[in-house]
C-alpha cells in the first residue's frame, strides 16, 4: 500500500523538504503515469491532488495507489 499522510512532526516535514530539494521527489503526474501506464490529463492530476488535500485536512491516510486506480475506473465508466 502506498499511503499518503501529513508529516508526523516538524522534523519529518523538514526531512521530506530536504529530500525534495535534493531531487528525490517525483511529480504527481509522473507518479500517476507510473501507476496507470499512460500520461494523465491535467484535470485528472488536479482531481487526485484535491483528494489528497482533503485527506490532509481531515487528518486521514489514504492508499494513493488504490485511489488513483479507482478514480481512473470511474473516469473510464464515464467515457
N, C-alpha and C. Protein backbone atom coordinates (compact mmCIF):
# COMPACT_ATOMS: atom_id res chain seq x y z
N UNK A 1 0.84 -1.18 0.00
CA UNK A 1 0.00 0.00 0.00
C UNK A 1 0.88 1.23 0.00
N UNK A 2 0.58 2.16 -0.85
CA UNK A 2 1.26 3.45 -0.89
C UNK A 2 0.34 4.47 -0.24
N UNK A 3 0.61 4.80 1.00
CA UNK A 3 -0.30 5.72 1.68
C UNK A 3 0.27 7.13 1.69
N UNK A 4 -0.64 8.06 1.78
CA UNK A 4 -0.29 9.47 1.86
C UNK A 4 -0.85 9.98 3.18
N UNK A 5 -0.02 10.69 3.92
CA UNK A 5 -0.44 11.29 5.18
C UNK A 5 0.41 12.52 5.41
N UNK A 6 -0.02 13.35 6.33
CA UNK A 6 0.77 14.52 6.63
C UNK A 6 1.94 14.11 7.53
N UNK A 7 3.01 14.89 7.55
CA UNK A 7 4.15 14.57 8.40
C UNK A 7 3.76 14.45 9.87
N UNK A 8 4.42 13.51 10.57
CA UNK A 8 4.13 13.29 11.99
C UNK A 8 4.54 14.48 12.85
N UNK A 9 5.64 15.14 12.46
CA UNK A 9 6.15 16.25 13.26
C UNK A 9 6.98 17.16 12.36
N UNK A 10 7.51 18.23 12.94
CA UNK A 10 8.30 19.18 12.16
C UNK A 10 9.57 18.56 11.60
N UNK A 11 10.18 17.65 12.34
CA UNK A 11 11.41 17.00 11.87
C UNK A 11 11.13 16.18 10.61
N UNK A 12 10.02 15.48 10.59
CA UNK A 12 9.67 14.69 9.42
C UNK A 12 9.37 15.60 8.23
N UNK A 13 8.72 16.72 8.49
CA UNK A 13 8.42 17.69 7.43
C UNK A 13 9.72 18.24 6.84
N UNK A 14 10.67 18.54 7.69
CA UNK A 14 11.97 19.06 7.23
C UNK A 14 12.70 18.01 6.39
N UNK A 15 12.71 16.76 6.86
CA UNK A 15 13.38 15.69 6.10
C UNK A 15 12.75 15.52 4.72
N UNK A 16 11.43 15.62 4.65
CA UNK A 16 10.74 15.50 3.36
C UNK A 16 11.11 16.64 2.43
N UNK A 17 11.16 17.84 2.96
CA UNK A 17 11.52 19.00 2.13
C UNK A 17 12.96 18.93 1.65
N UNK A 18 13.85 18.42 2.49
CA UNK A 18 15.25 18.24 2.08
C UNK A 18 15.34 17.22 0.97
N UNK A 19 14.62 16.11 1.10
CA UNK A 19 14.64 15.08 0.07
C UNK A 19 14.14 15.63 -1.26
N UNK A 20 13.08 16.40 -1.22
CA UNK A 20 12.54 17.00 -2.44
C UNK A 20 13.55 17.97 -3.05
N UNK A 21 14.18 18.78 -2.22
CA UNK A 21 15.18 19.74 -2.70
C UNK A 21 16.37 19.03 -3.34
N UNK A 22 16.66 17.82 -2.89
CA UNK A 22 17.78 17.06 -3.44
C UNK A 22 17.38 16.26 -4.68
N UNK A 23 16.16 16.47 -5.15
CA UNK A 23 15.71 15.81 -6.37
C UNK A 23 15.20 14.39 -6.15
N UNK A 24 14.89 14.04 -4.93
CA UNK A 24 14.42 12.69 -4.64
C UNK A 24 12.90 12.56 -4.77
N UNK A 25 12.25 13.63 -5.09
CA UNK A 25 10.80 13.60 -5.24
C UNK A 25 10.43 13.30 -6.68
N UNK A 26 9.17 13.08 -6.91
CA UNK A 26 8.64 12.88 -8.26
C UNK A 26 7.34 13.66 -8.36
N UNK A 27 7.02 14.11 -9.53
CA UNK A 27 5.78 14.88 -9.68
C UNK A 27 4.58 13.95 -9.55
N UNK A 28 3.45 14.51 -9.17
CA UNK A 28 2.24 13.73 -9.05
C UNK A 28 1.85 13.14 -10.41
N UNK A 29 2.00 13.91 -11.46
CA UNK A 29 1.67 13.42 -12.79
C UNK A 29 2.54 12.22 -13.17
N UNK A 30 3.83 12.28 -12.86
CA UNK A 30 4.72 11.15 -13.15
C UNK A 30 4.34 9.93 -12.32
N UNK A 31 3.97 10.15 -11.06
CA UNK A 31 3.57 9.05 -10.19
C UNK A 31 2.30 8.38 -10.73
N UNK A 32 1.33 9.19 -11.14
CA UNK A 32 0.09 8.67 -11.70
C UNK A 32 0.38 7.89 -12.98
N UNK A 33 1.24 8.43 -13.83
CA UNK A 33 1.59 7.76 -15.08
C UNK A 33 2.24 6.41 -14.81
N UNK A 34 3.06 6.34 -13.78
CA UNK A 34 3.70 5.07 -13.43
C UNK A 34 2.66 4.02 -13.04
N UNK A 35 1.62 4.44 -12.36
CA UNK A 35 0.58 3.51 -11.93
C UNK A 35 -0.34 3.12 -13.08
N UNK A 36 -0.77 4.10 -13.87
CA UNK A 36 -1.74 3.85 -14.93
C UNK A 36 -1.11 3.45 -16.26
N UNK A 37 0.19 3.63 -16.36
CA UNK A 37 0.96 3.31 -17.57
C UNK A 37 0.50 4.13 -18.78
N UNK A 38 0.00 5.31 -18.50
CA UNK A 38 -0.38 6.26 -19.55
C UNK A 38 -0.34 7.66 -18.94
N UNK A 39 0.07 8.66 -19.70
CA UNK A 39 0.11 10.02 -19.16
C UNK A 39 -1.29 10.51 -18.77
N UNK A 40 -1.46 11.02 -17.56
CA UNK A 40 -2.78 11.51 -17.14
C UNK A 40 -3.07 12.90 -17.68
N UNK A 41 -4.35 13.18 -17.81
CA UNK A 41 -4.77 14.53 -18.20
C UNK A 41 -4.59 15.45 -17.00
N UNK A 42 -4.41 16.73 -17.26
CA UNK A 42 -4.22 17.71 -16.19
C UNK A 42 -5.38 17.70 -15.20
N UNK A 43 -6.60 17.53 -15.70
CA UNK A 43 -7.78 17.53 -14.84
C UNK A 43 -7.74 16.33 -13.87
N UNK A 44 -7.24 15.20 -14.35
CA UNK A 44 -7.14 14.01 -13.50
C UNK A 44 -6.12 14.25 -12.40
N UNK A 45 -4.99 14.82 -12.74
CA UNK A 45 -3.95 15.13 -11.74
C UNK A 45 -4.52 16.09 -10.70
N UNK A 46 -5.25 17.08 -11.14
CA UNK A 46 -5.84 18.05 -10.22
C UNK A 46 -6.86 17.38 -9.30
N UNK A 47 -7.64 16.46 -9.83
CA UNK A 47 -8.63 15.74 -9.01
C UNK A 47 -7.94 14.90 -7.94
N UNK A 48 -6.86 14.23 -8.29
CA UNK A 48 -6.11 13.44 -7.32
C UNK A 48 -5.52 14.37 -6.26
N UNK A 49 -4.95 15.46 -6.71
CA UNK A 49 -4.37 16.43 -5.78
C UNK A 49 -5.42 16.94 -4.79
N UNK A 50 -6.61 17.24 -5.29
CA UNK A 50 -7.68 17.72 -4.43
C UNK A 50 -8.07 16.68 -3.39
N UNK A 51 -8.10 15.42 -3.79
CA UNK A 51 -8.46 14.35 -2.84
C UNK A 51 -7.37 14.19 -1.77
N UNK A 52 -6.11 14.32 -2.17
CA UNK A 52 -5.01 14.26 -1.20
C UNK A 52 -5.13 15.41 -0.21
N UNK A 53 -5.42 16.60 -0.70
CA UNK A 53 -5.57 17.76 0.17
C UNK A 53 -6.74 17.59 1.12
N UNK A 54 -7.85 17.00 0.64
CA UNK A 54 -8.99 16.74 1.51
C UNK A 54 -8.60 15.77 2.62
N UNK A 55 -7.88 14.73 2.28
CA UNK A 55 -7.42 13.77 3.28
C UNK A 55 -6.53 14.46 4.31
N UNK A 56 -5.68 15.35 3.84
CA UNK A 56 -4.81 16.10 4.75
C UNK A 56 -5.63 16.95 5.71
N UNK A 57 -6.63 17.65 5.18
CA UNK A 57 -7.49 18.49 6.01
C UNK A 57 -8.25 17.67 7.05
N UNK A 58 -8.63 16.45 6.67
CA UNK A 58 -9.39 15.59 7.57
C UNK A 58 -8.48 14.70 8.42
N UNK A 59 -7.18 14.91 8.27
CA UNK A 59 -6.17 14.17 9.01
C UNK A 59 -6.34 12.66 8.88
N UNK A 60 -6.53 12.22 7.63
CA UNK A 60 -6.66 10.79 7.37
C UNK A 60 -5.58 10.35 6.38
N UNK A 61 -5.22 9.09 6.46
CA UNK A 61 -4.31 8.50 5.49
C UNK A 61 -5.14 7.90 4.36
N UNK A 62 -4.58 7.91 3.17
CA UNK A 62 -5.27 7.28 2.04
C UNK A 62 -4.28 6.40 1.30
N UNK A 63 -4.79 5.35 0.69
CA UNK A 63 -3.99 4.49 -0.17
C UNK A 63 -3.98 5.15 -1.54
N UNK A 64 -2.90 5.83 -1.85
CA UNK A 64 -2.84 6.63 -3.08
C UNK A 64 -2.94 5.79 -4.34
N UNK A 65 -2.33 4.61 -4.32
CA UNK A 65 -2.40 3.74 -5.49
C UNK A 65 -3.83 3.30 -5.75
N UNK A 66 -4.51 2.84 -4.70
CA UNK A 66 -5.91 2.42 -4.84
C UNK A 66 -6.78 3.59 -5.28
N UNK A 67 -6.54 4.77 -4.70
CA UNK A 67 -7.30 5.96 -5.07
C UNK A 67 -7.18 6.26 -6.56
N UNK A 68 -5.96 6.24 -7.06
CA UNK A 68 -5.72 6.55 -8.48
C UNK A 68 -6.41 5.52 -9.37
N UNK A 69 -6.30 4.25 -9.02
CA UNK A 69 -6.95 3.20 -9.82
C UNK A 69 -8.47 3.33 -9.79
N UNK A 70 -9.03 3.63 -8.63
CA UNK A 70 -10.48 3.82 -8.52
C UNK A 70 -10.95 5.02 -9.33
N UNK A 71 -10.21 6.12 -9.23
CA UNK A 71 -10.59 7.32 -9.98
C UNK A 71 -10.50 7.07 -11.48
N UNK A 72 -9.49 6.33 -11.91
CA UNK A 72 -9.36 6.01 -13.34
C UNK A 72 -10.50 5.13 -13.81
N UNK A 73 -10.89 4.17 -12.98
CA UNK A 73 -12.01 3.28 -13.34
C UNK A 73 -13.30 4.08 -13.48
N UNK A 74 -13.53 5.00 -12.55
CA UNK A 74 -14.73 5.84 -12.64
C UNK A 74 -14.68 6.70 -13.89
N UNK A 75 -13.52 7.28 -14.17
CA UNK A 75 -13.37 8.12 -15.36
C UNK A 75 -13.65 7.30 -16.63
N UNK A 76 -13.18 6.06 -16.66
CA UNK A 76 -13.39 5.21 -17.84
C UNK A 76 -14.86 4.85 -18.00
N UNK A 77 -15.59 4.71 -16.91
CA UNK A 77 -17.02 4.41 -16.98
C UNK A 77 -17.77 5.58 -17.61
N UNK A 78 -17.32 6.79 -17.33
CA UNK A 78 -17.99 7.98 -17.86
C UNK A 78 -17.62 8.27 -19.30
N UNK A 79 -16.53 7.69 -19.78
CA UNK A 79 -16.04 7.98 -21.13
C UNK A 79 -16.86 7.30 -22.19
